[in-house]
Amino acid sequence: MTTSELITDYKNKLALKLVNTDGLVEAMGNDDIEEPDEAIYTYIFPYFHIPDTIEAAHSYICFKVNMTDRSNVNDWYENFTLTVWVIVNQALMKMKGHGGATRVDYLSGLVEKELHGSTIFGIKQLKITSNIEDNMDLHHRVRIMTFKTQDLDDLVGCG
């Protein structure tokens, strides 16, 4: 499998993992989703995207997967970086319950619990390496999380 095919596979696995994370899609606060898998390509994107015409306040989760380099220990391992953006419209930031967490923080916590330590990608666990809050624009708050892991290069042959 090429690295590009592997990245596509990882993105598909991640999208399914997110929509199947208990309570995640409901906590996004997007009232027009009836079934969690409807959120893929509507509010959960395997690339950075916010729809051009936004008529109501929504929450989004976007992610990208990159093979950044090879291990400096040996060439058999590829290093992968997963970047997740949790984006919430200011109008949806306040949540009831959940310990007073803002929606962007609560959603980020659900994503981190699901991904940190996971072996969804590769042979090693995903490890969170950064978790940064920022403003995208006047109306959207964002939390950007970065995870790293390693996988064996499929192109390495034995024998």
Protein backbone atom coordinates (compact mmCIF):
# COMPACT_ATOMS: atom_id res chain seq x y z
CA MET A 1 0.00 0.00 0.00
CA THR A 2 1.39 3.42 -0.88
CA THR A 3 1.68 6.13 1.75
CA SER A 4 -1.17 8.04 0.06
CA GLU A 5 -3.41 4.95 0.19
CA LEU A 6 -2.48 4.45 3.83
CA ILE A 7 -3.39 8.07 4.64
CA THR A 8 -6.79 7.61 2.94
CA ASP A 9 -7.33 4.44 4.99
CA TYR A 10 -6.39 6.27 8.20
CA LYS A 11 -8.80 9.13 7.39
CA ASN A 12 -11.67 6.71 6.76
CA LYS A 13 -10.96 4.88 10.03
CA LEU A 14 -10.79 8.15 11.93
CA ALA A 15 -14.07 9.50 10.51
CA LEU A 16 -15.85 6.29 11.55
CA LYS A 17 -14.18 6.32 14.97
CA LEU A 18 -15.34 9.90 15.59
CA VAL A 19 -18.97 9.36 14.59
CA ASN A 20 -19.04 6.22 16.74
CA THR A 21 -17.57 7.98 19.79
CA ASP A 22 -20.29 7.89 22.43
CA GLY A 23 -22.00 11.29 22.66
CA LEU A 24 -19.65 13.16 20.30
CA VAL A 25 -22.04 13.93 17.44
CA GLU A 26 -24.83 14.90 19.87
CA ALA A 27 -22.46 17.15 21.83
CA MET A 28 -21.60 19.06 18.65
CA GLY A 29 -25.02 20.72 18.97
CA ASN A 30 -25.93 20.40 15.29
CA ASP A 31 -29.67 19.73 15.48
CA ASP A 32 -30.11 18.61 11.87
CA ILE A 33 -28.25 15.29 12.29
CA GLU A 34 -30.45 12.27 13.03
CA GLU A 35 -27.87 9.49 12.67
CA PRO A 36 -24.21 9.94 13.65
CA ASP A 37 -22.82 8.81 10.27
CA GLU A 38 -24.72 11.69 8.60
CA ALA A 39 -22.16 14.02 10.21
CA ILE A 40 -19.37 12.82 7.88
CA TYR A 41 -18.89 15.41 5.10
CA THR A 42 -21.56 17.56 6.77
CA TYR A 43 -19.85 18.52 10.04
CA ILE A 44 -16.90 16.10 10.24
CA PHE A 45 -14.41 16.43 7.40
CA PRO A 46 -11.25 14.46 6.52
CA TYR A 47 -9.66 17.77 5.47
CA PHE A 48 -9.86 21.36 6.70
CA HIS A 49 -13.23 22.75 5.62
CA ILE A 50 -16.02 25.01 6.77
CA PRO A 51 -18.91 25.34 4.29
CA ASP A 52 -19.00 28.66 2.43
CA THR A 53 -22.60 29.50 3.19
CA ILE A 54 -23.34 29.15 6.87
CA GLU A 55 -26.91 30.09 7.72
CA ALA A 56 -26.93 28.83 11.31
CA ALA A 57 -24.45 28.25 14.13
CA HIS A 58 -22.70 24.86 13.91
CA SER A 59 -19.75 22.90 15.25
CA TYR A 60 -17.22 21.16 13.01
CA ILE A 61 -14.41 18.66 13.37
CA CYS A 62 -11.80 18.60 10.63
CA PHE A 63 -8.63 16.55 10.46
CA LYS A 64 -5.63 15.82 8.31
CA VAL A 65 -3.07 13.01 8.33
CA ASN A 66 0.51 13.53 7.17
CA MET A 67 3.47 11.22 6.84
CA THR A 68 6.09 13.69 8.04
CA ASP A 69 9.33 11.73 7.78
CA ARG A 70 11.01 8.42 8.47
CA SER A 71 12.33 7.26 11.79
CA ASN A 72 15.89 8.30 12.50
CA VAL A 73 16.44 4.87 14.10
CA ASN A 74 15.77 2.89 10.92
CA ASP A 75 14.07 3.37 7.57
CA TRP A 76 11.35 0.80 8.22
CA TYR A 77 9.19 3.21 10.22
CA GLU A 78 7.21 6.15 8.91
CA ASN A 79 6.24 8.96 11.29
CA PHE A 80 2.66 10.18 11.01
CA THR A 81 1.08 13.36 12.36
CA LEU A 82 -2.67 13.75 12.84
CA THR A 83 -4.02 17.28 13.23
CA VAL A 84 -7.59 17.74 14.49
CA TRP A 85 -9.46 21.04 14.47
CA VAL A 86 -12.54 21.33 16.69
CA ILE A 87 -14.38 24.45 15.50
CA VAL A 88 -17.41 25.88 17.31
CA ASN A 89 -19.53 28.91 16.49
CA GLN A 90 -19.49 31.43 19.34
CA ALA A 91 -23.28 31.08 19.71
CA LEU A 92 -22.83 27.39 20.67
CA MET A 93 -19.88 27.73 23.07
CA LYS A 94 -21.90 27.64 26.30
CA MET A 95 -23.02 24.17 27.35
CA LYS A 96 -25.27 23.07 30.17
CA GLY A 97 -23.70 20.52 32.49
CA HIS A 98 -20.38 18.88 31.63
CA GLY A 99 -18.62 20.62 34.51
CA GLY A 100 -18.95 24.09 33.02
CA ALA A 101 -16.82 23.22 29.99
CA THR A 102 -17.20 25.24 26.83
CA ARG A 103 -18.36 23.23 23.82
CA VAL A 104 -14.95 23.47 22.11
CA ASP A 105 -13.21 22.17 25.25
CA TYR A 106 -15.77 19.42 25.86
CA LEU A 107 -15.61 18.17 22.26
CA SER A 108 -11.81 18.30 22.31
CA GLY A 109 -11.83 16.24 25.49
CA LEU A 110 -13.99 13.57 23.84
CA VAL A 111 -11.69 13.47 20.81
CA GLU A 112 -8.56 13.28 22.97
CA LYS A 113 -10.01 10.47 25.13
CA GLU A 114 -10.83 8.52 21.99
CA LEU A 115 -7.52 9.05 20.19
CA HIS A 116 -4.71 9.41 22.76
CA GLY A 117 -3.28 5.95 23.31
CA SER A 118 -5.28 4.49 20.42
CA THR A 119 -3.68 2.12 17.92
CA ILE A 120 -6.16 3.04 15.17
CA PHE A 121 -3.15 4.02 13.04
CA GLY A 122 0.02 2.08 12.80
CA ILE A 123 1.87 -0.12 15.22
CA LYS A 124 2.37 2.44 17.96
CA GLN A 125 -0.12 4.38 20.04
CA LEU A 126 -1.22 7.86 19.05
CA LYS A 127 0.26 10.39 21.47
CA ILE A 128 -1.05 13.91 21.83
CA THR A 129 1.76 16.43 21.37
CA SER A 130 -0.16 19.72 21.43
CA ASN A 131 -3.60 21.09 22.30
CA ILE A 132 -4.00 24.78 21.46
CA GLU A 133 -7.04 27.05 21.69
CA ASP A 134 -7.41 29.92 19.22
CA ASN A 135 -9.90 32.15 17.42
CA MET A 136 -10.54 31.41 13.75
CA ASP A 137 -12.46 34.61 13.13
CA LEU A 138 -14.95 36.82 14.98
CA HIS A 139 -17.54 34.03 15.18
CA HIS A 140 -15.62 30.75 15.53
CA ARG A 141 -13.47 29.33 18.31
CA VAL A 142 -11.07 26.49 17.56
CA ARG A 143 -8.97 23.99 19.44
CA ILE A 144 -6.15 22.43 17.41
CA MET A 145 -4.80 19.09 18.61
CA THR A 146 -1.78 17.30 17.20
CA PHE A 147 -1.11 13.58 17.65
CA LYS A 148 1.89 11.55 16.50
CA THR A 149 2.53 7.86 15.84
CA GLN A 150 4.63 5.46 13.77
CA ASP A 151 3.79 2.70 11.33
CA LEU A 152 5.83 0.15 9.42
CA ASP A 153 6.52 1.02 5.80
CA ASP A 154 4.46 -1.46 3.74
CA LEU A 155 6.98 -1.19 0.94
CA VAL A 156 9.72 -2.74 3.08
CA GLY A 157 10.02 -6.35 2.01
CA CYS A 158 11.39 -9.22 4.03
CA GLY A 159 13.59 -11.64 2.12
